[in-house]
Amino acid sequence: MADGLTKSAARNIFYGGSLFFFLLFAALTAHSHWYMVNVSTDSEGLTDSVKHGKEVWEKNMCINCHSIMGEGAYFAPELGNVWERYGGHDNPEAARSGITGWIRAQPLGIEGRRQMPAYDFSEEDMNSLIDFLEWTDGIDDQDWPPHPAG
């Protein structure tokens, strides 16, 4: 019996380990994809209006100031839970009116505060954007953000 690791044994360990971890990576990737498609995505709630709201979000580059579930800039408040903050679970119409009023009132012009630019959204764009924010509020974000104010 050899006292050390032979060249052949080292090669077999390398190839065997590489194959094992490649298969493990492939299995975890497949499971992640399956989980996102079948468990964590509310595909029934993903309406055309929600999709259009995401397009409005992207076209106006809201993510350059805001974040959703921690992704984006931290210049302005987190919007992943804005539907909840405006009471959308208890009174959806009041939440919709409140969010619409807030966006239409911008910029507030308070000196020393960050200013959100004015957006002249059509009624369809505004409703779609709010539908998108409502849909994102329904995502299981594992208690993000840590503070309700975003």
Protein backbone atom coordinates (compact mmCIF):
# COMPACT_ATOMS: atom_id res chain seq x y z
CA MET A 1 0.00 0.00 0.00
CA ALA A 2 1.30 3.43 -0.94
CA ASP A 3 2.14 5.89 1.79
CA GLY A 4 0.98 8.94 -0.13
CA LEU A 5 -1.63 10.04 -2.59
CA THR A 6 -0.93 8.72 -6.04
CA LYS A 7 -1.37 10.79 -9.18
CA SER A 8 -4.21 8.52 -10.30
CA ALA A 9 -6.03 8.79 -6.94
CA ALA A 10 -5.70 12.59 -6.91
CA ARG A 11 -7.10 12.78 -10.44
CA ASN A 12 -10.04 10.54 -9.47
CA ILE A 13 -10.77 12.65 -6.37
CA PHE A 14 -10.66 15.82 -8.48
CA TYR A 15 -12.96 14.51 -11.22
CA GLY A 16 -15.29 12.78 -8.75
CA GLY A 17 -15.55 15.89 -6.55
CA SER A 18 -16.05 18.14 -9.57
CA LEU A 19 -18.84 15.91 -10.90
CA PHE A 20 -20.49 15.69 -7.46
CA PHE A 21 -20.56 19.47 -6.94
CA PHE A 22 -21.66 20.14 -10.53
CA LEU A 23 -24.62 17.78 -10.05
CA LEU A 24 -25.40 19.36 -6.68
CA PHE A 25 -25.31 22.84 -8.25
CA ALA A 26 -27.56 21.73 -11.13
CA ALA A 27 -30.05 20.13 -8.70
CA LEU A 28 -30.19 23.24 -6.48
CA THR A 29 -30.64 25.47 -9.55
CA ALA A 30 -33.50 23.29 -10.82
CA HIS A 31 -35.12 23.32 -7.36
CA SER A 32 -34.82 27.11 -7.10
CA HIS A 33 -36.46 27.54 -10.49
CA TRP A 34 -39.24 25.09 -9.58
CA TYR A 35 -39.81 26.89 -6.24
CA MET A 36 -40.00 30.33 -7.86
CA VAL A 37 -42.43 29.19 -10.55
CA ASN A 38 -44.68 26.96 -8.44
CA VAL A 39 -44.55 28.29 -4.88
CA SER A 40 -43.28 31.83 -4.45
CA THR A 41 -44.84 33.55 -7.49
CA ASP A 42 -48.49 34.56 -7.39
CA SER A 43 -49.09 33.78 -11.05
CA GLU A 44 -52.90 34.02 -10.70
CA GLY A 45 -52.58 37.60 -9.47
CA LEU A 46 -50.12 38.51 -12.21
CA THR A 47 -52.65 40.27 -14.43
CA ASP A 48 -52.04 42.39 -17.52
CA SER A 49 -52.51 45.46 -15.35
CA VAL A 50 -49.79 44.31 -12.94
CA LYS A 51 -47.47 43.64 -15.89
CA HIS A 52 -48.20 47.10 -17.28
CA GLY A 53 -47.54 48.59 -13.83
CA LYS A 54 -44.11 46.96 -13.84
CA GLU A 55 -43.51 48.52 -17.25
CA VAL A 56 -44.51 51.94 -15.84
CA TRP A 57 -42.15 51.32 -12.89
CA GLU A 58 -39.29 50.50 -15.26
CA LYS A 59 -40.03 53.24 -17.84
CA ASN A 60 -39.99 55.94 -15.14
CA MET A 61 -36.94 54.41 -13.44
CA CYS A 62 -38.55 54.37 -10.00
CA ILE A 63 -35.87 51.93 -8.87
CA ASN A 64 -33.27 54.70 -9.20
CA CYS A 65 -34.66 56.19 -5.97
CA HIS A 66 -36.91 53.52 -4.41
CA SER A 67 -36.39 49.88 -3.58
CA ILE A 68 -38.67 46.86 -3.64
CA MET A 69 -37.74 44.09 -1.21
CA GLY A 70 -34.33 45.68 -0.74
CA GLU A 71 -33.48 45.81 -4.45
CA GLY A 72 -32.86 49.28 -5.82
CA ALA A 73 -31.70 52.60 -4.44
CA TYR A 74 -32.10 53.73 -0.85
CA PHE A 75 -32.68 57.43 -1.62
CA ALA A 76 -36.45 57.15 -1.17
CA PRO A 77 -38.68 54.77 0.86
CA GLU A 78 -39.02 51.03 0.29
CA LEU A 79 -42.19 50.36 -1.72
CA GLY A 80 -42.54 46.61 -1.25
CA ASN A 81 -44.95 47.23 1.60
CA VAL A 82 -46.50 50.56 0.56
CA TRP A 83 -49.88 48.85 0.03
CA GLU A 84 -49.83 47.69 3.65
CA ARG A 85 -48.64 51.08 4.94
CA TYR A 86 -51.59 52.78 3.24
CA GLY A 87 -54.03 50.24 4.76
CA GLY A 88 -54.71 48.35 1.55
CA HIS A 89 -55.52 45.09 3.34
CA ASP A 90 -58.32 46.74 5.33
CA ASN A 91 -59.56 49.36 2.89
CA PRO A 92 -58.28 48.90 -0.68
CA GLU A 93 -60.12 51.91 -2.13
CA ALA A 94 -58.75 54.28 0.50
CA ALA A 95 -55.23 52.91 -0.07
CA ARG A 96 -55.60 53.33 -3.82
CA SER A 97 -56.81 56.93 -3.34
CA GLY A 98 -54.05 57.68 -0.86
CA ILE A 99 -51.25 56.40 -3.09
CA THR A 100 -52.72 58.20 -6.11
CA GLY A 101 -53.00 61.44 -4.14
CA TRP A 102 -49.44 61.13 -2.85
CA ILE A 103 -47.95 60.58 -6.31
CA ARG A 104 -50.03 63.37 -7.88
CA ALA A 105 -49.04 65.85 -5.10
CA GLN A 106 -45.32 65.53 -5.81
CA PRO A 107 -43.05 67.42 -5.44
CA LEU A 108 -44.13 68.73 -2.07
CA GLY A 109 -41.57 71.54 -2.07
CA ILE A 110 -40.60 71.15 1.58
CA GLU A 111 -37.19 72.74 1.95
CA GLY A 112 -34.45 70.44 3.16
CA ARG A 113 -36.27 67.25 2.15
CA ARG A 114 -35.68 64.97 -0.77
CA GLN A 115 -38.09 65.70 -3.57
CA MET A 116 -39.91 63.17 -5.70
CA PRO A 117 -40.35 64.45 -9.25
CA ALA A 118 -43.78 65.18 -10.67
CA TYR A 119 -45.21 62.44 -12.88
CA ASP A 120 -48.14 63.04 -15.18
CA PHE A 121 -49.40 59.46 -15.26
CA SER A 122 -52.53 58.64 -17.19
CA GLU A 123 -55.33 57.05 -15.19
CA GLU A 124 -54.46 53.65 -16.72
CA ASP A 125 -50.75 54.00 -15.88
CA MET A 126 -51.52 55.12 -12.32
CA ASN A 127 -53.93 52.23 -11.71
CA SER A 128 -51.49 49.75 -13.22
CA LEU A 129 -48.62 51.06 -11.09
CA ILE A 130 -50.77 50.73 -7.97
CA ASP A 131 -51.80 47.22 -9.04
CA PHE A 132 -48.10 46.37 -9.35
CA LEU A 133 -47.38 47.77 -5.87
CA GLU A 134 -50.35 45.80 -4.48
CA TRP A 135 -49.04 42.62 -6.15
CA THR A 136 -45.54 43.12 -4.74
CA ASP A 137 -47.03 43.53 -1.27
CA GLY A 138 -48.42 39.98 -1.58
CA ILE A 139 -44.99 38.43 -2.16
CA ASP A 140 -43.58 36.44 0.76
CA ASP A 141 -40.58 38.66 1.42
CA GLN A 142 -39.72 36.99 4.73
CA ASP A 143 -40.57 40.07 6.83
CA TRP A 144 -38.73 42.60 4.72
CA PRO A 145 -38.40 45.48 5.32
CA PRO A 146 -37.46 45.11 8.96
CA HIS A 147 -39.30 48.34 9.84
CA PRO A 148 -42.91 48.90 8.70
CA ALA A 149 -42.14 52.44 7.49
CA GLY A 150 -39.86 50.97 4.86
